[in-house]
Protein backbone atom coordinates (compact mmCIF):
# COMPACT_ATOMS: atom_id res chain seq x y z
CA MET A 1 65.68 77.59 110.18
CA THR A 2 66.96 81.12 110.88
CA THR A 3 65.49 82.83 113.95
CA GLY A 4 66.00 86.17 115.68
CA PRO A 5 65.46 89.79 114.67
CA PRO A 6 65.47 90.74 110.97
CA ARG A 7 69.02 91.14 109.64
CA TRP A 8 68.24 92.42 106.16
CA LEU A 9 66.30 95.07 104.32
CA LEU A 10 64.78 94.21 100.96
CA LEU A 11 63.74 96.52 98.15
CA ILE A 12 61.20 94.84 95.87
CA HIS A 13 60.41 96.84 92.78
CA GLN A 14 58.60 96.81 89.45
CA ILE A 15 59.89 99.35 86.92
CA PRO A 16 57.85 100.20 83.81
CA PRO A 17 59.55 99.84 80.39
CA ARG A 18 59.20 103.60 79.80
CA PRO A 19 61.05 105.80 80.39
CA ALA A 20 64.01 103.56 79.53
CA TYR A 21 66.51 105.60 81.52
CA LEU A 22 64.71 104.88 84.81
CA ARG A 23 65.85 101.24 84.99
CA VAL A 24 69.46 102.26 84.26
CA LYS A 25 69.29 105.06 86.83
CA VAL A 26 67.90 102.78 89.53
CA GLY A 27 70.42 100.05 88.71
CA ARG A 28 73.33 102.46 89.07
CA ARG A 29 71.91 103.84 92.29
CA LEU A 30 71.57 100.37 93.82
CA GLN A 31 75.08 99.46 92.70
CA ALA A 32 76.47 102.61 94.36
CA LEU A 33 74.71 101.66 97.60
CA GLY A 34 76.31 98.20 97.53
CA ALA A 35 72.97 96.39 97.31
CA VAL A 36 72.95 92.88 95.85
CA ALA A 37 70.23 91.14 93.87
CA ILE A 38 68.63 88.22 95.69
CA LYS A 39 66.53 87.55 92.57
CA ASN A 40 65.13 89.65 89.76
CA SER A 41 63.90 93.00 91.12
CA VAL A 42 64.68 92.05 94.75
CA TYR A 43 67.70 93.77 96.31
CA ALA A 44 69.17 93.43 99.79
CA LEU A 45 71.21 95.53 102.20
CA PRO A 46 72.28 94.77 105.77
CA ARG A 47 69.61 96.21 108.04
CA GLY A 48 70.39 99.64 109.51
CA GLU A 49 69.21 103.23 109.65
CA GLN A 50 71.38 104.36 106.72
CA ALA A 51 70.28 101.40 104.61
CA MET A 52 66.64 102.16 105.37
CA GLU A 53 67.09 105.79 104.33
CA ASP A 54 68.94 104.80 101.15
CA PHE A 55 66.27 102.30 100.10
CA GLN A 56 63.50 104.80 100.83
CA TRP A 57 65.13 107.31 98.49
CA VAL A 58 65.40 104.69 95.75
CA ARG A 59 61.77 103.74 96.29
CA ARG A 60 60.71 107.37 95.85
CA GLU A 61 62.66 107.59 92.58
CA ILE A 62 60.95 104.45 91.30
CA VAL A 63 57.46 105.57 92.32
CA SER A 64 57.96 109.08 90.92
CA GLY A 65 58.96 107.43 87.62
CA GLY A 66 55.70 105.47 87.46
CA GLY A 67 56.92 102.22 89.02
CA GLU A 68 56.11 100.32 92.19
CA ALA A 69 58.44 99.53 95.09
CA THR A 70 58.30 98.17 98.62
CA VAL A 71 60.92 98.26 101.38
CA CYS A 72 60.65 95.60 104.07
CA ASP A 73 62.56 93.86 106.86
CA ALA A 74 63.59 90.32 106.00
CA LEU A 75 64.42 87.17 107.93
CA PHE A 76 65.29 84.19 105.73
CA VAL A 77 63.54 81.07 106.94
CA GLU A 78 64.00 78.61 104.06
CA GLY A 79 65.83 78.72 100.76
CA HIS A 80 68.38 81.50 101.20
CA THR A 81 70.46 81.58 104.38
CA ASP A 82 72.29 84.52 105.93
CA ALA A 83 75.56 82.92 104.81
CA ASP A 84 74.28 82.78 101.22
CA VAL A 85 73.48 86.49 101.26
CA VAL A 86 76.81 87.41 102.87
CA ALA A 87 78.52 85.43 100.11
CA LEU A 88 76.71 87.51 97.49
CA PHE A 89 78.01 90.73 99.07
CA THR A 90 81.54 89.32 99.34
CA LYS A 91 81.54 88.18 95.71
CA ALA A 92 80.32 91.58 94.50
CA ARG A 93 82.96 93.52 96.44
CA ASP A 94 85.72 91.10 95.45
CA ALA A 95 84.82 91.80 91.81
CA ASP A 96 85.12 95.54 92.52
CA TYR A 97 88.50 95.03 94.21
CA ALA A 98 89.74 92.83 91.36
CA ALA A 99 88.94 95.55 88.82
CA LEU A 100 90.76 98.15 90.93
CA ALA A 101 93.75 95.83 91.40
CA ALA A 102 94.05 95.35 87.64
CA GLU A 103 94.10 99.13 87.13
CA ALA A 104 96.59 99.56 89.97
CA ARG A 105 98.98 96.99 88.45
CA ALA A 106 98.79 98.74 85.11
CA LEU A 107 99.50 102.08 86.79
CA ALA A 108 102.43 100.58 88.72
CA ARG A 109 103.97 99.27 85.50
CA ALA A 110 103.45 102.61 83.75
CA ALA A 111 104.90 104.57 86.68
CA GLN A 112 107.92 102.31 86.76
CA ARG A 113 108.56 102.75 83.03
CA ARG A 114 108.14 106.52 83.08
CA ARG A 115 109.61 107.07 86.54
CA GLY A 116 107.52 110.22 86.64
CA ALA A 117 105.48 111.16 89.69
CA ASP A 118 103.43 113.84 87.92
CA GLU A 119 101.88 111.39 85.45
CA ALA A 120 101.01 108.81 88.11
CA ARG A 121 99.60 111.14 90.77
CA PRO A 122 96.18 111.96 89.19
CA SER A 123 95.49 108.30 88.41
CA LEU A 124 96.59 107.33 91.91
CA LEU A 125 94.20 109.84 93.49
CA ARG A 126 91.36 108.57 91.28
CA LEU A 127 92.03 104.96 92.34
CA ARG A 128 92.21 105.99 95.99
CA LYS A 129 88.83 107.69 95.67
CA ARG A 130 87.28 104.64 94.01
CA LEU A 131 88.79 102.34 96.63
CA ALA A 132 87.26 104.46 99.40
CA GLU A 133 83.88 104.18 97.68
CA VAL A 134 84.12 100.38 97.52
CA ILE A 135 85.30 100.12 101.14
CA ALA A 136 82.26 102.15 102.20
CA ILE A 137 79.95 99.44 100.83
CA ASP A 138 82.14 96.47 101.79
CA PHE A 139 79.89 95.42 104.64
CA PHE A 140 81.53 92.05 105.34
CA GLY A 141 85.25 92.61 104.73
CA ALA A 142 85.87 91.01 101.34
CA PRO A 143 89.46 89.69 101.14
CA GLY A 144 90.27 91.46 97.86
CA ARG A 145 90.72 94.81 99.64
CA GLU A 146 94.20 94.09 100.99
CA ALA A 147 95.68 93.44 97.54
CA VAL A 148 94.46 96.82 96.24
CA GLU A 149 95.64 98.70 99.31
CA GLY A 150 99.05 97.07 99.03
CA LEU A 151 99.39 97.97 95.37
CA LEU A 152 98.38 101.58 95.95
CA ALA A 153 100.80 101.86 98.87
CA VAL A 154 103.62 100.70 96.59
CA ILE A 155 102.70 103.24 93.92
CA GLU A 156 102.55 106.01 96.52
CA ALA A 157 105.98 105.04 97.82
CA ARG A 158 107.38 105.15 94.29
CA VAL A 159 105.83 108.53 93.66
CA ARG A 160 107.51 109.88 96.79
CA ASN A 161 110.78 107.97 96.44
CA PRO A 162 111.73 106.20 93.19
CA PRO A 163 113.05 102.65 93.83
CA PRO A 164 116.82 102.22 93.98
CA ALA A 165 118.56 100.71 90.99
CA THR A 166 119.83 97.72 92.98
CA PRO A 167 118.18 95.80 95.83
CA GLY A 168 119.48 96.46 99.33
CA LYS A 169 121.19 94.03 101.64
CA ALA A 170 118.98 91.43 103.29
CA LEU A 171 117.69 92.38 106.73
CA SER A 172 118.84 90.46 109.78
CA ALA A 173 116.09 88.67 111.68
CA ALA A 174 118.06 89.32 114.88
CA GLY A 175 117.25 93.01 114.57
CA TYR A 176 113.52 92.28 114.56
CA ARG A 177 113.22 89.88 117.48
CA GLY A 178 110.72 90.64 120.19
CA ARG A 179 108.83 93.17 118.08
CA VAL A 180 105.16 94.08 118.11
CA TRP A 181 103.98 93.43 114.55
CA VAL A 182 101.09 95.66 113.54
CA THR A 183 98.55 95.02 110.79
CA ARG A 184 94.95 95.81 109.86
CA ARG A 185 92.04 94.21 111.66
CA GLY A 186 90.06 91.46 109.96
CA VAL A 187 93.08 89.45 108.82
CA GLN A 188 92.71 87.38 105.67
CA VAL A 189 95.01 85.34 103.44
CA ASP A 190 98.19 87.40 103.09
CA ARG A 191 98.14 88.74 106.64
CA ILE A 192 97.51 85.30 108.14
CA ALA A 193 100.32 83.82 106.04
CA SER A 194 102.69 86.70 106.79
CA ALA A 195 102.04 86.50 110.54
CA TRP A 196 102.80 82.77 110.42
CA LEU A 197 106.03 83.42 108.49
CA ILE A 198 107.08 86.14 110.95
CA ARG A 199 106.56 84.01 114.04
CA ARG A 200 107.97 80.82 112.54
CA PHE A 201 111.03 82.14 110.68
CA ILE A 202 111.75 85.76 111.69
CA ASP A 203 110.62 86.57 115.23
CA ALA A 204 109.68 83.61 117.43
CA LYS A 205 108.61 86.01 120.20
CA ALA A 206 106.50 88.17 117.91
CA ARG A 207 103.38 89.77 119.31
CA PHE A 208 100.65 90.96 116.98
CA LYS A 209 98.56 94.11 117.17
CA PHE A 210 95.49 94.79 115.04
CA VAL A 211 94.53 98.37 114.18
CA ALA A 212 92.02 100.21 112.02
CA GLY A 213 94.39 100.76 109.10
CA GLY A 214 95.49 103.95 107.35
CA GLY A 215 97.11 106.72 109.38
CA TYR A 216 98.46 104.49 112.17
CA ARG A 217 101.75 105.83 113.57
CA PRO A 218 104.01 103.04 114.85
CA ARG A 219 105.45 103.14 118.35
CA PRO A 220 109.02 102.12 119.25
CA LYS A 221 109.69 98.40 118.68
CA GLU A 222 106.70 98.10 116.36
CA ALA A 223 106.84 96.96 112.75
CA ARG A 224 103.88 97.22 110.37
CA PHE A 225 103.02 94.70 107.70
CA ASP A 226 100.41 94.45 104.95
CA MET A 227 98.87 97.84 105.59
CA PHE A 228 99.18 101.42 104.38
CA GLN A 229 102.73 102.83 104.69
CA ALA A 230 103.91 99.61 106.32
CA GLU A 231 107.58 98.67 106.52
CA PHE A 232 106.61 95.37 104.89
CA THR A 233 103.77 95.36 102.37
CA HIS A 234 103.00 94.67 98.72
CA ASP A 235 105.75 95.70 96.29
CA GLY A 236 104.72 95.75 92.63
CA ASP A 237 103.26 92.32 91.92
CA LEU A 238 104.68 90.79 95.11
CA CYS A 239 102.36 90.08 98.03
CA THR A 240 103.55 90.82 101.58
CA PHE A 241 104.55 87.19 102.19
CA GLU A 242 106.86 87.33 99.16
CA VAL A 243 108.26 90.70 100.26
CA LEU A 244 109.14 89.31 103.71
CA LEU A 245 110.96 86.37 102.13
CA ARG A 246 112.94 88.71 99.88
CA ARG A 247 113.69 91.40 102.46
CA PHE A 248 114.98 88.88 105.02
CA GLY A 249 116.84 86.81 102.43
CA ILE A 250 114.98 83.59 103.31
CA ASP A 251 115.81 80.97 100.70
CA ASP A 252 113.76 77.84 101.35
CA PRO A 253 112.21 75.85 98.47
CA ALA A 254 109.25 74.82 100.63
CA LEU A 255 108.56 78.45 101.58
CA ARG A 256 108.83 79.50 97.94
CA ALA A 257 106.09 76.99 97.12
CA VAL A 258 103.93 78.37 99.93
CA ALA A 259 104.62 81.92 98.70
CA GLU A 260 103.43 81.03 95.20
CA ILE A 261 100.16 79.69 96.60
CA VAL A 262 99.62 82.77 98.79
CA HIS A 263 100.38 85.00 95.79
CA ASP A 264 97.85 83.24 93.56
CA ILE A 265 95.13 83.49 96.23
CA ASP A 266 95.86 87.04 97.31
CA LEU A 267 96.50 88.74 93.96
CA LYS A 268 94.15 86.52 91.94
CA ASP A 269 96.36 86.76 88.87
CA ALA A 270 97.13 83.00 88.50
CA LYS A 271 100.79 83.94 88.05
CA PHE A 272 102.01 80.56 89.28
CA GLY A 273 98.92 78.50 88.53
CA ARG A 274 99.27 76.57 91.80
CA PRO A 275 96.62 73.83 91.99
CA GLU A 276 96.63 74.04 95.80
CA ALA A 277 95.44 77.66 95.78
CA ALA A 278 91.71 76.97 95.51
CA GLY A 279 91.70 74.48 98.40
CA LEU A 280 93.74 76.70 100.72
CA ALA A 281 91.57 79.71 99.83
CA ARG A 282 88.44 77.79 100.80
CA LEU A 283 90.05 76.61 104.05
CA LEU A 284 91.14 80.14 105.04
CA THR A 285 87.67 81.48 104.19
CA GLY A 286 86.18 78.90 106.56
CA ILE A 287 88.64 79.88 109.29
CA ALA A 288 87.69 83.54 108.89
CA LEU A 289 83.95 82.73 108.99
CA MET A 290 84.32 80.60 112.11
CA ASN A 291 86.54 83.07 113.97
CA ALA A 292 85.64 86.73 114.23
CA GLY A 293 88.70 87.51 116.36
CA ASP A 294 92.07 88.09 114.69
CA PRO A 295 94.16 86.13 117.25
CA ALA A 296 91.99 83.07 116.67
CA ARG A 297 92.33 83.46 112.89
CA LEU A 298 96.11 83.58 113.23
CA ALA A 299 96.14 80.52 115.48
CA HIS A 300 93.98 78.35 113.23
CA GLY A 301 95.53 79.73 110.05
CA GLY A 302 99.02 79.18 111.45
CA ALA A 303 98.22 75.51 112.03
CA ALA A 304 97.11 75.23 108.40
CA PHE A 305 100.34 76.82 107.17
CA ASP A 306 102.40 74.57 109.45
CA ALA A 307 100.86 71.57 107.74
CA LEU A 308 101.21 73.05 104.26
CA TYR A 309 104.87 73.88 104.82
CA GLU A 310 105.64 70.38 106.12
CA SER A 311 103.94 68.84 103.09
CA PHE A 312 106.43 70.64 100.83
CA ARG A 313 109.45 70.31 103.14
CA ARG A 314 109.11 66.55 103.54
CA LYS A 315 107.97 65.79 100.03
CA PRO A 316 110.37 63.27 98.46
């Protein structure tokens, strides 16, 4: 049984069949607010002053259109749990991020073919605007966000500086020892995996720093990964883990297998069709739910990747 103060606001409504546009209008308004349907005609938002104001405005629209609506505090006692409702929000935002990621990949391919910044820039700005709108209603940090941000960062880099015709020389890990490695707060799949790879195979003395995200200016001896304008982040259809392997010239069959799994989870494109992806995704989700702090997520996630790596390294 859940106890404590109410955590949710519910909008319960009944919309008349006429005028027909009212139901569509209300549906779009609720979608823009990030509300999720608990059941037919019952929508939820995390409790807060802004959510209360938003639901009150929707209620007025419904009532002025001839319908009925009620806004109330909610505490789930039986049936639904808080975790169930959080999962609904996460699923909805992951669907939004997946749609944006698909558009971003298409734009990246088109920009690469045309090699023209002018054609890509308007679409890039539109995707950035839509991403900001989704982030604003991503109340529980859905993991799909990092893939979209990585893809858009790659496109922006290509718009500013077209990629060289040939890949550069592999970086030396010796030049990156003892660094402070900076990434966004709320680490999920790719950032947990990349941090493990950094500490295990690139910089054994690595320290990690977690920041808000866009606009962070690195200090001396800092290296950013899997964030906006990072030195190491998504490149085309490569996740950050894959980029680190490539940039540092790490050639290890067991790590390639791990990279394929991380790719399939992070980019959700089933490129490699790894059967282990679903199980590892569920495990990392559990680690994130059990540990709000990023250092704890890296510690527990690192142990999982240690075991996964050994399973491939020692496999006959």
